[in-house]
PDB file of N, CA and C in Angstrom:
ATOM      1  N   MET A   1      12.097 132.170 -25.431  1.00  0.00           N
ATOM      2  CA  MET A   1      11.201 131.275 -26.141  1.00  0.00           C
ATOM      3  C   MET A   1      11.939 130.510 -27.234  1.00  0.00           C
ATOM      4  N   ALA A   2      12.900 131.146 -27.887  1.00  0.00           N
ATOM      5  CA  ALA A   2      13.648 130.484 -28.967  1.00  0.00           C
ATOM      6  C   ALA A   2      14.409 129.281 -28.442  1.00  0.00           C
ATOM      7  N   ASN A   3      14.973 129.380 -27.217  1.00  0.00           N
ATOM      8  CA  ASN A   3      15.686 128.253 -26.629  1.00  0.00           C
ATOM      9  C   ASN A   3      14.740 127.088 -26.350  1.00  0.00           C
ATOM     10  N   LEU A   4      13.558 127.413 -25.893  1.00  0.00           N
ATOM     11  CA  LEU A   4      12.567 126.383 -25.618  1.00  0.00           C
ATOM     12  C   LEU A   4      12.125 125.707 -26.909  1.00  0.00           C
ATOM     13  N   GLU A   5      11.996 126.460 -27.974  1.00  0.00           N
ATOM     14  CA  GLU A   5      11.637 125.883 -29.272  1.00  0.00           C
ATOM     15  C   GLU A   5      12.750 124.959 -29.767  1.00  0.00           C
ATOM     16  N   PHE A   6      14.003 125.342 -29.534  1.00  0.00           N
ATOM     17  CA  PHE A   6      15.133 124.485 -29.896  1.00  0.00           C
ATOM     18  C   PHE A   6      15.049 123.151 -29.154  1.00  0.00           C
ATOM     19  N   VAL A   7      14.679 123.199 -27.885  1.00  0.00           N
ATOM     20  CA  VAL A   7      14.513 121.968 -27.104  1.00  0.00           C
ATOM     21  C   VAL A   7      13.441 121.091 -27.740  1.00  0.00           C
ATOM     22  N   GLY A   8      12.367 121.695 -28.215  1.00  0.00           N
ATOM     23  CA  GLY A   8      11.303 120.940 -28.888  1.00  0.00           C
ATOM     24  C   GLY A   8      11.793 120.268 -30.157  1.00  0.00           C
ATOM     25  N   TYR A   9      12.562 121.001 -30.950  1.00  0.00           N
ATOM     26  CA  TYR A   9      13.117 120.412 -32.174  1.00  0.00           C
ATOM     27  C   TYR A   9      14.113 119.293 -31.858  1.00  0.00           C
ATOM     28  N   LEU A  10      14.957 119.504 -30.853  1.00  0.00           N
ATOM     29  CA  LEU A  10      15.932 118.485 -30.471  1.00  0.00           C
ATOM     30  C   LEU A  10      15.231 117.235 -29.955  1.00  0.00           C
ATOM     31  N   ALA A  11      14.248 117.404 -29.099  1.00  0.00           N
ATOM     32  CA  ALA A  11      13.495 116.265 -28.584  1.00  0.00           C
ATOM     33  C   ALA A  11      12.791 115.521 -29.718  1.00  0.00           C
ATOM     34  N   GLY A  12      12.181 116.249 -30.601  1.00  0.00           N
ATOM     35  CA  GLY A  12      11.496 115.629 -31.737  1.00  0.00           C
ATOM     36  C   GLY A  12      12.448 114.852 -32.615  1.00  0.00           C
ATOM     37  N   PHE A  13      13.611 115.418 -32.870  1.00  0.00           N
ATOM     38  CA  PHE A  13      14.619 114.738 -33.686  1.00  0.00           C
ATOM     39  C   PHE A  13      15.062 113.434 -33.027  1.00  0.00           C
ATOM     40  N   LEU A  14      15.340 113.484 -31.738  1.00  0.00           N
ATOM     41  CA  LEU A  14      15.796 112.283 -31.025  1.00  0.00           C
ATOM     42  C   LEU A  14      14.729 111.192 -31.008  1.00  0.00           C
ATOM     43  N   VAL A  15      13.501 111.586 -30.781  1.00  0.00           N
ATOM     44  CA  VAL A  15      12.408 110.602 -30.785  1.00  0.00           C
ATOM     45  C   VAL A  15      12.202 110.036 -32.187  1.00  0.00           C
ATOM     46  N   ALA A  16      12.316 110.883 -33.191  1.00  0.00           N
ATOM     47  CA  ALA A  16      12.117 110.432 -34.569  1.00  0.00           C
ATOM     48  C   ALA A  16      13.185 109.434 -34.990  1.00  0.00           C
ATOM     49  N   ILE A  17      14.425 109.655 -34.583  1.00  0.00           N
ATOM     50  CA  ILE A  17      15.477 108.716 -34.994  1.00  0.00           C
ATOM     51  C   ILE A  17      15.484 107.447 -34.147  1.00  0.00           C
ATOM     52  N   ALA A  18      14.739 107.432 -33.051  1.00  0.00           N
ATOM     53  CA  ALA A  18      14.710 106.261 -32.173  1.00  0.00           C
ATOM     54  C   ALA A  18      14.178 105.022 -32.892  1.00  0.00           C
ATOM     55  N   LEU A  19      13.294 105.197 -33.835  1.00  0.00           N
ATOM     56  CA  LEU A  19      12.711 104.072 -34.559  1.00  0.00           C
ATOM     57  C   LEU A  19      13.576 103.638 -35.748  1.00  0.00           C
ATOM     58  N   SER A  20      14.542 104.453 -36.092  1.00  0.00           N
ATOM     59  CA  SER A  20      15.386 104.162 -37.263  1.00  0.00           C
ATOM     60  C   SER A  20      16.094 102.812 -37.209  1.00  0.00           C
ATOM     61  N   PRO A  21      16.752 102.439 -36.108  1.00  0.00           N
ATOM     62  CA  PRO A  21      17.444 101.144 -36.097  1.00  0.00           C
ATOM     63  C   PRO A  21      16.510  99.962 -36.360  1.00  0.00           C
ATOM     64  N   GLN A  22      15.308 100.004 -35.783  1.00  0.00           N
ATOM     65  CA  GLN A  22      14.354  98.915 -35.997  1.00  0.00           C
ATOM     66  C   GLN A  22      13.900  98.873 -37.447  1.00  0.00           C
ATOM     67  N   LEU A  23      13.659 100.017 -38.009  1.00  0.00           N
ATOM     68  CA  LEU A  23      13.224 100.115 -39.399  1.00  0.00           C
ATOM     69  C   LEU A  23      14.314  99.601 -40.343  1.00  0.00           C
ATOM     70  N   ILE A  24      15.537 100.002 -40.107  1.00  0.00           N
ATOM     71  CA  ILE A  24      16.657  99.555 -40.948  1.00  0.00           C
ATOM     72  C   ILE A  24      16.858  98.051 -40.823  1.00  0.00           C
ATOM     73  N   LYS A  25      16.815  97.543 -39.593  1.00  0.00           N
ATOM     74  CA  LYS A  25      16.994  96.095 -39.384  1.00  0.00           C
ATOM     75  C   LYS A  25      15.895  95.303 -40.075  1.00  0.00           C
ATOM     76  N   THR A  26      14.675  95.769 -39.960  1.00  0.00           N
ATOM     77  CA  THR A  26      13.550  95.088 -40.600  1.00  0.00           C
ATOM     78  C   THR A  26      13.702  95.103 -42.116  1.00  0.00           C
ATOM     79  N   TRP A  27      14.094  96.233 -42.647  1.00  0.00           N
ATOM     80  CA  TRP A  27      14.278  96.375 -44.095  1.00  0.00           C
ATOM     81  C   TRP A  27      15.357  95.419 -44.597  1.00  0.00           C
ATOM     82  N   ARG A  28      16.471  95.342 -43.865  1.00  0.00           N
ATOM     83  CA  ARG A  28      17.596  94.498 -44.293  1.00  0.00           C
ATOM     84  C   ARG A  28      17.327  93.009 -44.134  1.00  0.00           C
ATOM     85  N   THR A  29      16.762  92.608 -42.990  1.00  0.00           N
ATOM     86  CA  THR A  29      16.572  91.183 -42.706  1.00  0.00           C
ATOM     87  C   THR A  29      15.269  90.632 -43.259  1.00  0.00           C
ATOM     88  N   LYS A  30      14.337  91.523 -43.553  1.00  0.00           N
ATOM     89  CA  LYS A  30      12.994  91.128 -44.005  1.00  0.00           C
ATOM     90  C   LYS A  30      12.309  90.231 -42.974  1.00  0.00           C
ATOM     91  N   SER A  31      12.626  90.469 -41.708  1.00  0.00           N
ATOM     92  CA  SER A  31      12.045  89.712 -40.606  1.00  0.00           C
ATOM     93  C   SER A  31      11.326  90.667 -39.668  1.00  0.00           C
ATOM     94  N   THR A  32      10.065  90.360 -39.395  1.00  0.00           N
ATOM     95  CA  THR A  32       9.268  91.190 -38.492  1.00  0.00           C
ATOM     96  C   THR A  32       8.657  90.365 -37.363  1.00  0.00           C
ATOM     97  N   LYS A  33       9.204  89.190 -37.120  1.00  0.00           N
ATOM     98  CA  LYS A  33       8.603  88.291 -36.131  1.00  0.00           C
ATOM     99  C   LYS A  33       8.595  88.875 -34.725  1.00  0.00           C
ATOM    100  N   ASP A  34       9.530  89.761 -34.405  1.00  0.00           N
ATOM    101  CA  ASP A  34       9.602  90.336 -33.060  1.00  0.00           C
ATOM    102  C   ASP A  34       8.865  91.663 -32.935  1.00  0.00           C
ATOM    103  N   ILE A  35       8.176  92.077 -33.972  1.00  0.00           N
ATOM    104  CA  ILE A  35       7.439  93.343 -33.937  1.00  0.00           C
ATOM    105  C   ILE A  35       5.956  93.048 -33.744  1.00  0.00           C
ATOM    106  N   SER A  36       5.385  93.666 -32.736  1.00  0.00           N
ATOM    107  CA  SER A  36       3.974  93.467 -32.426  1.00  0.00           C
ATOM    108  C   SER A  36       3.107  94.393 -33.287  1.00  0.00           C
ATOM    109  N   ILE A  37       2.112  93.807 -33.903  1.00  0.00           N
ATOM    110  CA  ILE A  37       1.146  94.608 -34.676  1.00  0.00           C
ATOM    111  C   ILE A  37       0.399  95.553 -33.726  1.00  0.00           C
ATOM    112  N   LEU A  38       0.024  95.051 -32.549  1.00  0.00           N
ATOM    113  CA  LEU A  38      -0.706  95.880 -31.590  1.00  0.00           C
ATOM    114  C   LEU A  38       0.147  97.073 -31.153  1.00  0.00           C
ATOM    115  N   TRP A  39       1.431  96.846 -30.903  1.00  0.00           N
ATOM    116  CA  TRP A  39       2.328  97.942 -30.527  1.00  0.00           C
ATOM    117  C   TRP A  39       2.408  98.966 -31.654  1.00  0.00           C
ATOM    118  N   THR A  40       2.557  98.496 -32.874  1.00  0.00           N
ATOM    119  CA  THR A  40       2.682  99.391 -34.024  1.00  0.00           C
ATOM    120  C   THR A  40       1.409 100.217 -34.208  1.00  0.00           C
ATOM    121  N   LEU A  41       0.266  99.588 -34.105  1.00  0.00           N
ATOM    122  CA  LEU A  41      -1.009 100.312 -34.248  1.00  0.00           C
ATOM    123  C   LEU A  41      -1.218 101.315 -33.116  1.00  0.00           C
ATOM    124  N   THR A  42      -0.832 100.930 -31.895  1.00  0.00           N
ATOM    125  CA  THR A  42      -0.942 101.839 -30.756  1.00  0.00           C
ATOM    126  C   THR A  42      -0.031 103.043 -30.943  1.00  0.00           C
ATOM    127  N   LEU A  43       1.200 102.802 -31.383  1.00  0.00           N
ATOM    128  CA  LEU A  43       2.140 103.891 -31.660  1.00  0.00           C
ATOM    129  C   LEU A  43       1.584 104.821 -32.725  1.00  0.00           C
ATOM    130  N   MET A  44       1.083 104.267 -33.811  1.00  0.00           N
ATOM    131  CA  MET A  44       0.546 105.087 -34.903  1.00  0.00           C
ATOM    132  C   MET A  44      -0.655 105.911 -34.435  1.00  0.00           C
ATOM    133  N   THR A  45      -1.514 105.324 -33.629  1.00  0.00           N
ATOM    134  CA  THR A  45      -2.676 106.052 -33.109  1.00  0.00           C
ATOM    135  C   THR A  45      -2.231 107.214 -32.226  1.00  0.00           C
ATOM    136  N   GLY A  46      -1.282 106.948 -31.337  1.00  0.00           N
ATOM    137  CA  GLY A  46      -0.755 108.013 -30.485  1.00  0.00           C
ATOM    138  C   GLY A  46      -0.115 109.127 -31.281  1.00  0.00           C
ATOM    139  N   LEU A  47       0.607 108.768 -32.315  1.00  0.00           N
ATOM    140  CA  LEU A  47       1.262 109.776 -33.155  1.00  0.00           C
ATOM    141  C   LEU A  47       0.251 110.609 -33.930  1.00  0.00           C
ATOM    142  N   ILE A  48      -0.804 109.989 -34.412  1.00  0.00           N
ATOM    143  CA  ILE A  48      -1.857 110.750 -35.093  1.00  0.00           C
ATOM    144  C   ILE A  48      -2.483 111.763 -34.129  1.00  0.00           C
ATOM    145  N   LEU A  49      -2.736 111.324 -32.899  1.00  0.00           N
ATOM    146  CA  LEU A  49      -3.305 112.234 -31.901  1.00  0.00           C
ATOM    147  C   LEU A  49      -2.342 113.374 -31.579  1.00  0.00           C
ATOM    148  N   TRP A  50      -1.051 113.074 -31.503  1.00  0.00           N
ATOM    149  CA  TRP A  50      -0.055 114.120 -31.289  1.00  0.00           C
ATOM    150  C   TRP A  50      -0.054 115.124 -32.437  1.00  0.00           C
ATOM    151  N   ILE A  51      -0.160 114.622 -33.656  1.00  0.00           N
ATOM    152  CA  ILE A  51      -0.176 115.504 -34.825  1.00  0.00           C
ATOM    153  C   ILE A  51      -1.389 116.435 -34.775  1.00  0.00           C
ATOM    154  N   VAL A  52      -2.551 115.876 -34.475  1.00  0.00           N
ATOM    155  CA  VAL A  52      -3.772 116.685 -34.371  1.00  0.00           C
ATOM    156  C   VAL A  52      -3.601 117.743 -33.277  1.00  0.00           C
ATOM    157  N   TYR A  53      -3.100 117.337 -32.129  1.00  0.00           N
ATOM    158  CA  TYR A  53      -2.881 118.261 -31.022  1.00  0.00           C
ATOM    159  C   TYR A  53      -1.900 119.368 -31.405  1.00  0.00           C
ATOM    160  N   ALA A  54      -0.802 118.978 -32.030  1.00  0.00           N
ATOM    161  CA  ALA A  54       0.236 119.942 -32.405  1.00  0.00           C
ATOM    162  C   ALA A  54      -0.273 120.946 -33.437  1.00  0.00           C
ATOM    163  N   VAL A  55      -1.009 120.461 -34.413  1.00  0.00           N
ATOM    164  CA  VAL A  55      -1.551 121.360 -35.436  1.00  0.00           C
ATOM    165  C   VAL A  55      -2.576 122.306 -34.811  1.00  0.00           C
ATOM    166  N   ALA A  56      -3.445 121.778 -33.960  1.00  0.00           N
ATOM    167  CA  ALA A  56      -4.474 122.604 -33.334  1.00  0.00           C
ATOM    168  C   ALA A  56      -3.866 123.688 -32.443  1.00  0.00           C
ATOM    169  N   ASN A  57      -2.724 123.379 -31.830  1.00  0.00           N
ATOM    170  CA  ASN A  57      -2.083 124.328 -30.920  1.00  0.00           C
ATOM    171  C   ASN A  57      -0.886 125.046 -31.539  1.00  0.00           C
ATOM    172  N   LYS A  58      -0.698 124.820 -32.837  1.00  0.00           N
ATOM    173  CA  LYS A  58       0.379 125.478 -33.590  1.00  0.00           C
ATOM    174  C   LYS A  58       1.753 125.221 -32.956  1.00  0.00           C
ATOM    175  N   ILE A  59       2.005 123.939 -32.640  1.00  0.00           N
ATOM    176  CA  ILE A  59       3.296 123.540 -32.069  1.00  0.00           C
ATOM    177  C   ILE A  59       4.079 122.858 -33.188  1.00  0.00           C
ATOM    178  N   LEU A  60       4.816 123.672 -33.934  1.00  0.00           N
ATOM    179  CA  LEU A  60       5.493 123.205 -35.138  1.00  0.00           C
ATOM    180  C   LEU A  60       6.480 122.057 -34.910  1.00  0.00           C
ATOM    181  N   PRO A  61       7.361 122.116 -33.893  1.00  0.00           N
ATOM    182  CA  PRO A  61       8.309 121.003 -33.719  1.00  0.00           C
ATOM    183  C   PRO A  61       7.600 119.662 -33.526  1.00  0.00           C
ATOM    184  N   LEU A  62       6.571 119.650 -32.719  1.00  0.00           N
ATOM    185  CA  LEU A  62       5.832 118.414 -32.466  1.00  0.00           C
ATOM    186  C   LEU A  62       5.121 117.936 -33.730  1.00  0.00           C
ATOM    187  N   ALA A  63       4.519 118.856 -34.465  1.00  0.00           N
ATOM    188  CA  ALA A  63       3.816 118.483 -35.693  1.00  0.00           C
ATOM    189  C   ALA A  63       4.772 117.877 -36.712  1.00  0.00           C
ATOM    190  N   ILE A  64       5.925 118.485 -36.879  1.00  0.00           N
ATOM    191  CA  ILE A  64       6.904 118.003 -37.860  1.00  0.00           C
ATOM    192  C   ILE A  64       7.415 116.616 -37.495  1.00  0.00           C
ATOM    193  N   PHE A  65       7.920 116.487 -36.275  1.00  0.00           N
ATOM    194  CA  PHE A  65       8.568 115.234 -35.918  1.00  0.00           C
ATOM    195  C   PHE A  65       7.587 114.111 -35.626  1.00  0.00           C
ATOM    196  N   ALA A  66       6.390 114.413 -35.164  1.00  0.00           N
ATOM    197  CA  ALA A  66       5.379 113.374 -35.015  1.00  0.00           C
ATOM    198  C   ALA A  66       4.974 112.849 -36.392  1.00  0.00           C
ATOM    199  N   SER A  67       4.947 113.721 -37.375  1.00  0.00           N
ATOM    200  CA  SER A  67       4.636 113.301 -38.748  1.00  0.00           C
ATOM    201  C   SER A  67       5.733 112.403 -39.310  1.00  0.00           C
ATOM    202  N   ILE A  68       6.978 112.752 -39.039  1.00  0.00           N
ATOM    203  CA  ILE A  68       8.097 111.911 -39.485  1.00  0.00           C
ATOM    204  C   ILE A  68       8.044 110.550 -38.804  1.00  0.00           C
ATOM    205  N   GLU A  69       7.835 110.564 -37.494  1.00  0.00           N
ATOM    206  CA  GLU A  69       7.760 109.303 -36.736  1.00  0.00           C
ATOM    207  C   GLU A  69       6.573 108.461 -37.211  1.00  0.00           C
ATOM    208  N   PHE A  70       5.438 109.114 -37.492  1.00  0.00           N
ATOM    209  CA  PHE A  70       4.279 108.378 -37.999  1.00  0.00           C
ATOM    210  C   PHE A  70       4.607 107.712 -39.337  1.00  0.00           C
ATOM    211  N   SER A  71       5.296 108.431 -40.198  1.00  0.00           N
ATOM    212  CA  SER A  71       5.684 107.874 -41.497  1.00  0.00           C
ATOM    213  C   SER A  71       6.567 106.638 -41.321  1.00  0.00           C
ATOM    214  N   MET A  72       7.499 106.731 -40.386  1.00  0.00           N
ATOM    215  CA  MET A  72       8.381 105.591 -40.124  1.00  0.00           C
ATOM    216  C   MET A  72       7.600 104.406 -39.541  1.00  0.00           C
ATOM    217  N   ALA A  73       6.685 104.690 -38.627  1.00  0.00           N
ATOM    218  CA  ALA A  73       5.864 103.636 -38.038  1.00  0.00           C
ATOM    219  C   ALA A  73       4.958 103.004 -39.100  1.00  0.00           C
ATOM    220  N   LEU A  74       4.454 103.814 -40.010  1.00  0.00           N
ATOM    221  CA  LEU A  74       3.621 103.301 -41.094  1.00  0.00           C
ATOM    222  C   LEU A  74       4.425 102.368 -42.004  1.00  0.00           C
ATOM    223  N   ILE A  75       5.652 102.751 -42.305  1.00  0.00           N
ATOM    224  CA  ILE A  75       6.521 101.886 -43.120  1.00  0.00           C
ATOM    225  C   ILE A  75       6.771 100.578 -42.384  1.00  0.00           C
ATOM    226  N   LEU A  76       7.029 100.653 -41.089  1.00  0.00           N
ATOM    227  CA  LEU A  76       7.244  99.445 -40.295  1.00  0.00           C
ATOM    228  C   LEU A  76       5.998  98.562 -40.303  1.00  0.00           C
ATOM    229  N   PHE A  77       4.833  99.176 -40.206  1.00  0.00           N
ATOM    230  CA  PHE A  77       3.569  98.436 -40.257  1.00  0.00           C
ATOM    231  C   PHE A  77       3.405  97.730 -41.602  1.00  0.00           C
ATOM    232  N   VAL A  78       3.693  98.436 -42.674  1.00  0.00           N
ATOM    233  CA  VAL A  78       3.590  97.846 -44.016  1.00  0.00           C
ATOM    234  C   VAL A  78       4.566  96.677 -44.154  1.00  0.00           C
ATOM    235  N   LEU A  79       5.780  96.857 -43.645  1.00  0.00           N
ATOM    236  CA  LEU A  79       6.762  95.772 -43.711  1.00  0.00           C
ATOM    237  C   LEU A  79       6.311  94.576 -42.867  1.00  0.00           C
ATOM    238  N   LYS A  80       5.685  94.842 -41.730  1.00  0.00           N
ATOM    239  CA  LYS A  80       5.158  93.768 -40.880  1.00  0.00           C
ATOM    240  C   LYS A  80       4.127  92.952 -41.647  1.00  0.00           C
ATOM    241  N   ILE A  81       3.235  93.615 -42.346  1.00  0.00           N
ATOM    242  CA  ILE A  81       2.230  92.918 -43.147  1.00  0.00           C
ATOM    243  C   ILE A  81       2.878  92.182 -44.318  1.00  0.00           C
ATOM    244  N   LYS A  82       3.809  92.828 -44.974  1.00  0.00           N
ATOM    245  CA  LYS A  82       4.462  92.251 -46.166  1.00  0.00           C
ATOM    246  C   LYS A  82       5.304  91.019 -45.821  1.00  0.00           C
ATOM    247  N   TYR A  83       6.066  91.073 -44.738  1.00  0.00           N
ATOM    248  CA  TYR A  83       6.985  89.995 -44.397  1.00  0.00           C
ATOM    249  C   TYR A  83       6.431  89.002 -43.391  1.00  0.00           C
ATOM    250  N   LYS A  84       5.160  89.088 -43.101  1.00  0.00           N
ATOM    251  CA  LYS A  84       4.557  88.194 -42.097  1.00  0.00           C
ATOM    252  C   LYS A  84       4.599  86.764 -42.488  1.00  0.00           C
TER     253      LYS A  84
END
């Protein structure tokens, strides 16, 4: 079971860092013209549902990394509104 939990943490980490390049580029360039508001809202909604599911089922890796990814998506959403 410990090996399987490690896979969950590794997967969560990889998914969480996947949004990092877009977030960094947006922060540096202050340009969000290529980011869809609908995509961002859909991503955030899915992540909230994942968090609820993970907490309800006590799946710690998913809860942690979905929360991190949601935070990053929220920052991207705020930047989209700010730099529009």
